[in-house]
Amino acid sequence: MSRLGSIKAILWKDLRQYYAKPPTISWGILTPAAIVGVLAIAVSYNWRIIPGLVGLALMFSSSTMAQVCIGIERRFGSFERLLYAPVTLGSIIIAKSLGGIVFGLIGACMSIAIIMVFVKIRIVYMLTFFTAVLLGSIIFSLIGIIAAVVMRIENSMVFMNTLRFLMLFLSGIFIPIYMLPSIVQLVSYALPLTYIVELLRYSMYCRYDLIDPITSLISLVLYTITLTIVTKWIVEKKIYQ
């Protein structure tokens, strides 16, 4: 089977087997939908929060699919068997990431649909918006893969929820980064959601809080490259040890 064929086969298997699993539905669809819905009603008057809600849904949806998929497969040993199949490790990582990307796109579209019920929104720079969503989906998918490979599924859930909670309040969604204490700002600059939200905000309103779109884009590309390398290294070290 060609590399493209193996990627498609793994992706289709994952979407078929795991998209309807309770953890995937609850954390990947229902939770972000509920959060976005409630916050959209509560803050519909505040334009600057709307892009953050899209980023929030993107974060939950993308990270959940890869995390749940690999977590369940590791529990039953099917992930390890897949690694010994005649498929390259790169193909496996790409396929697992694509599952998160698909869910991330669904989450972003879902959040926009919910927000539009309460508020009229317009995307000024569609290419910038799509780039932010795509890079964000890749980044959070890779984070989900790392968590699922390093920890058991129960522990990875706790870790990911803690990380999501941290990013929820420190990524400039509700409070502008420049209003945070200096030491907290350092944490904000280390979080990928910060740059995703800033890029989404620029794509929708032609303005940003603190980080210009070029810096945000470069940062997200660097995050993507770094996490791809780290993911491959961790999978090799953890599974093949």
Protein backbone atom coordinates (compact mmCIF):
# COMPACT_ATOMS: atom_id res chain seq x y z
CA MET A 1 0.00 0.00 0.00
CA SER A 2 1.30 3.49 -0.86
CA ARG A 3 2.00 6.04 1.86
CA LEU A 4 -1.05 8.08 0.87
CA GLY A 5 -3.18 4.96 0.85
CA SER A 6 -2.04 3.95 4.34
CA ILE A 7 -2.75 7.45 5.68
CA LYS A 8 -6.25 7.38 4.21
CA ALA A 9 -6.90 3.89 5.59
CA ILE A 10 -5.82 4.83 9.14
CA LEU A 11 -7.74 8.12 9.05
CA TRP A 12 -10.92 6.46 7.81
CA LYS A 13 -10.63 3.74 10.45
CA ASP A 14 -10.22 6.33 13.21
CA LEU A 15 -13.15 8.46 12.06
CA ARG A 16 -15.33 5.38 11.71
CA GLN A 17 -14.43 3.85 15.07
CA TYR A 18 -13.88 6.82 17.36
CA TYR A 19 -15.87 9.84 16.20
CA ALA A 20 -18.98 8.58 18.04
CA LYS A 21 -17.21 7.47 21.22
CA PRO A 22 -18.61 9.16 24.38
CA PRO A 23 -15.34 10.96 25.29
CA THR A 24 -15.00 12.29 21.75
CA ILE A 25 -18.59 13.53 21.61
CA SER A 26 -18.61 14.97 25.14
CA TRP A 27 -15.23 16.74 25.10
CA GLY A 28 -14.86 17.30 21.36
CA ILE A 29 -18.38 18.46 20.47
CA LEU A 30 -20.79 18.95 23.38
CA THR A 31 -18.45 20.70 25.84
CA PRO A 32 -17.14 23.35 23.42
CA ALA A 33 -20.65 23.81 21.99
CA ALA A 34 -22.06 24.43 25.47
CA ILE A 35 -19.24 26.80 26.44
CA VAL A 36 -19.42 28.73 23.18
CA GLY A 37 -23.22 28.92 23.36
CA VAL A 38 -23.33 30.22 26.92
CA LEU A 39 -20.50 32.70 26.41
CA ALA A 40 -21.89 33.90 23.07
CA ILE A 41 -25.12 34.85 24.83
CA ALA A 42 -23.32 36.44 27.76
CA VAL A 43 -20.73 38.45 25.80
CA SER A 44 -22.47 39.10 22.49
CA TYR A 45 -21.87 42.81 23.04
CA ASN A 46 -18.09 42.36 23.25
CA TRP A 47 -16.60 41.93 19.77
CA ARG A 48 -13.08 41.06 20.96
CA ILE A 49 -14.18 37.84 22.68
CA ILE A 50 -15.82 36.28 19.61
CA PRO A 51 -12.55 35.10 17.95
CA GLY A 52 -11.52 33.57 21.26
CA LEU A 53 -14.67 31.45 21.29
CA VAL A 54 -13.74 30.05 17.87
CA GLY A 55 -10.24 29.28 19.15
CA LEU A 56 -11.72 27.69 22.25
CA ALA A 57 -13.89 25.30 20.24
CA LEU A 58 -10.93 24.55 17.98
CA MET A 59 -8.76 23.66 20.96
CA PHE A 60 -11.28 21.25 22.49
CA SER A 61 -12.25 19.55 19.22
CA SER A 62 -8.76 19.05 17.76
CA SER A 63 -7.04 17.80 20.90
CA THR A 64 -9.84 15.42 21.89
CA MET A 65 -9.99 13.27 18.74
CA ALA A 66 -6.29 12.32 18.68
CA GLN A 67 -6.13 11.91 22.44
CA VAL A 68 -9.16 9.61 22.69
CA CYS A 69 -8.21 7.62 19.59
CA ILE A 70 -4.66 6.80 20.69
CA GLY A 71 -5.67 6.43 24.34
CA ILE A 72 -8.21 3.72 23.54
CA GLU A 73 -5.87 1.98 21.08
CA ARG A 74 -3.05 1.92 23.64
CA ARG A 75 -5.38 0.44 26.25
CA PHE A 76 -6.19 -2.50 23.97
CA GLY A 77 -2.74 -2.76 22.37
CA SER A 78 -3.90 -1.94 18.84
CA PHE A 79 -1.72 1.18 18.63
CA GLU A 80 1.43 -0.86 19.27
CA ARG A 81 0.34 -3.40 16.65
CA LEU A 82 -0.17 -0.57 14.17
CA LEU A 83 3.40 0.59 14.78
CA TYR A 84 4.71 -2.81 13.70
CA ALA A 85 2.59 -2.87 10.55
CA PRO A 86 4.24 -2.09 7.19
CA VAL A 87 3.46 1.60 7.64
CA THR A 88 5.95 4.38 8.37
CA LEU A 89 5.79 6.20 11.70
CA GLY A 90 5.38 9.47 9.83
CA SER A 91 2.28 8.14 8.07
CA ILE A 92 0.75 7.10 11.39
CA ILE A 93 1.37 10.51 12.96
CA ILE A 94 -0.03 12.30 9.91
CA ALA A 95 -3.15 10.11 9.91
CA LYS A 96 -3.75 10.60 13.64
CA SER A 97 -3.22 14.35 13.25
CA LEU A 98 -5.65 14.52 10.33
CA GLY A 99 -8.37 13.06 12.55
CA GLY A 100 -7.85 15.95 14.96
CA ILE A 101 -7.76 18.44 12.10
CA VAL A 102 -11.11 17.19 10.78
CA PHE A 103 -12.64 17.50 14.24
CA GLY A 104 -11.03 20.93 14.64
CA LEU A 105 -12.62 22.18 11.43
CA ILE A 106 -15.96 20.81 12.61
CA GLY A 107 -15.50 22.57 15.95
CA ALA A 108 -14.62 25.89 14.30
CA CYS A 109 -17.60 25.72 11.93
CA MET A 110 -19.88 24.72 14.79
CA SER A 111 -18.73 27.63 16.95
CA ILE A 112 -19.28 30.13 14.13
CA ALA A 113 -22.77 28.74 13.52
CA ILE A 114 -23.65 29.05 17.23
CA ILE A 115 -22.21 32.57 17.52
CA MET A 116 -24.10 33.74 14.41
CA VAL A 117 -27.37 32.90 16.16
CA PHE A 118 -26.66 35.70 18.65
CA VAL A 119 -24.27 38.03 16.87
CA LYS A 120 -23.59 39.12 13.32
CA ILE A 121 -19.99 38.33 12.39
CA ARG A 122 -17.96 38.93 9.26
CA ILE A 123 -14.61 37.43 8.33
CA VAL A 124 -12.52 40.08 6.57
CA TYR A 125 -9.48 37.97 5.68
CA MET A 126 -10.75 34.48 4.90
CA LEU A 127 -7.31 33.07 4.04
CA THR A 128 -5.85 34.32 7.34
CA PHE A 129 -8.83 32.88 9.22
CA PHE A 130 -8.48 29.49 7.55
CA THR A 131 -4.70 29.48 8.13
CA ALA A 132 -5.21 30.14 11.85
CA VAL A 133 -7.81 27.37 12.09
CA LEU A 134 -5.66 24.89 10.15
CA LEU A 135 -2.45 25.55 12.09
CA GLY A 136 -4.39 25.52 15.36
CA SER A 137 -5.94 22.17 14.49
CA ILE A 138 -2.53 20.68 13.72
CA ILE A 139 -0.97 22.05 16.91
CA PHE A 140 -3.71 20.82 19.24
CA SER A 141 -3.87 17.46 17.48
CA LEU A 142 -0.15 16.97 18.08
CA ILE A 143 -0.51 18.02 21.73
CA GLY A 144 -3.30 15.44 22.08
CA ILE A 145 -1.10 12.75 20.51
CA ILE A 146 1.79 13.55 22.87
CA ALA A 147 -0.48 13.41 25.93
CA ALA A 148 -2.02 10.11 24.82
CA VAL A 149 1.35 8.48 24.14
CA VAL A 150 3.07 9.66 27.33
CA MET A 151 0.18 9.00 29.75
CA ARG A 152 -2.68 6.59 30.28
CA ILE A 153 -5.99 7.85 28.93
CA GLU A 154 -7.32 8.81 32.39
CA ASN A 155 -4.19 10.80 33.23
CA SER A 156 -4.04 12.37 29.79
CA MET A 157 -7.62 13.60 30.24
CA VAL A 158 -6.67 15.29 33.52
CA PHE A 159 -3.56 16.82 31.95
CA MET A 160 -5.39 18.08 28.86
CA ASN A 161 -8.25 19.56 30.90
CA THR A 162 -5.74 21.38 33.11
CA LEU A 163 -3.94 22.70 30.03
CA ARG A 164 -7.22 23.77 28.42
CA PHE A 165 -8.29 25.55 31.61
CA LEU A 166 -4.95 27.38 31.71
CA MET A 167 -5.21 28.48 28.08
CA LEU A 168 -8.85 29.47 28.52
CA PHE A 169 -7.94 32.28 30.91
CA LEU A 170 -4.38 33.19 29.91
CA SER A 171 -4.62 33.36 26.10
CA GLY A 172 -6.27 36.75 25.82
CA ILE A 173 -9.78 35.44 25.21
CA PHE A 174 -11.44 37.33 28.06
CA ILE A 175 -8.69 39.57 29.45
CA PRO A 176 -6.21 41.31 27.11
CA ILE A 177 -2.70 40.01 27.66
CA TYR A 178 -1.32 43.49 28.35
CA MET A 179 -3.65 43.74 31.37
CA LEU A 180 -2.19 40.62 32.99
CA PRO A 181 0.71 40.76 35.50
CA SER A 182 4.12 40.71 33.84
CA ILE A 183 5.02 37.24 35.07
CA VAL A 184 1.68 35.86 33.85
CA GLN A 185 2.25 37.45 30.45
CA LEU A 186 5.32 35.24 30.05
CA VAL A 187 3.06 32.20 30.42
CA SER A 188 0.60 33.66 27.91
CA TYR A 189 3.34 34.08 25.31
CA ALA A 190 4.21 30.39 25.69
CA LEU A 191 0.65 29.22 24.92
CA PRO A 192 -0.25 28.48 21.28
CA LEU A 193 -3.87 29.54 21.76
CA THR A 194 -2.65 33.11 22.37
CA TYR A 195 -1.33 33.38 18.81
CA ILE A 196 -4.32 31.56 17.33
CA VAL A 197 -6.76 33.97 18.98
CA GLU A 198 -4.73 37.01 17.92
CA LEU A 199 -4.62 35.81 14.31
CA LEU A 200 -8.34 35.01 14.33
CA ARG A 201 -9.08 38.44 15.81
CA TYR A 202 -7.11 40.11 13.05
CA SER A 203 -8.80 38.04 10.34
CA MET A 204 -12.25 39.04 11.63
CA TYR A 205 -11.76 42.65 12.75
CA CYS A 206 -8.48 43.85 11.20
CA ARG A 207 -7.12 44.51 14.70
CA TYR A 208 -5.28 42.69 17.43
CA ASP A 209 -4.53 43.19 21.12
CA LEU A 210 -0.76 42.94 21.32
CA ILE A 211 0.76 40.47 18.85
CA ASP A 212 0.79 41.44 15.18
CA PRO A 213 -0.43 38.88 12.59
CA ILE A 214 3.03 38.23 11.11
CA THR A 215 4.46 37.37 14.53
CA SER A 216 1.42 35.20 15.30
CA LEU A 217 1.76 33.34 12.00
CA ILE A 218 5.50 32.75 12.40
CA SER A 219 4.96 31.56 15.99
CA LEU A 220 2.27 29.08 14.93
CA VAL A 221 4.47 27.71 12.14
CA LEU A 222 7.33 27.25 14.62
CA TYR A 223 4.95 25.55 17.06
CA THR A 224 3.81 23.19 14.30
CA ILE A 225 7.36 22.25 13.25
CA THR A 226 8.57 21.83 16.84
CA LEU A 227 5.60 19.74 17.94
CA THR A 228 5.89 17.53 14.85
CA ILE A 229 9.53 16.77 15.68
CA VAL A 230 8.78 16.28 19.38
CA THR A 231 5.81 14.00 18.64
CA LYS A 232 7.88 11.74 16.37
CA TRP A 233 10.70 11.61 18.94
CA ILE A 234 8.36 10.82 21.85
CA VAL A 235 6.51 8.08 19.96
CA GLU A 236 9.79 6.44 18.97
CA LYS A 237 11.20 6.71 22.49
CA LYS A 238 8.03 5.64 24.33
CA ILE A 239 6.83 2.84 22.08
CA TYR A 240 10.06 1.42 20.69
CA GLN A 241 12.00 1.44 23.97
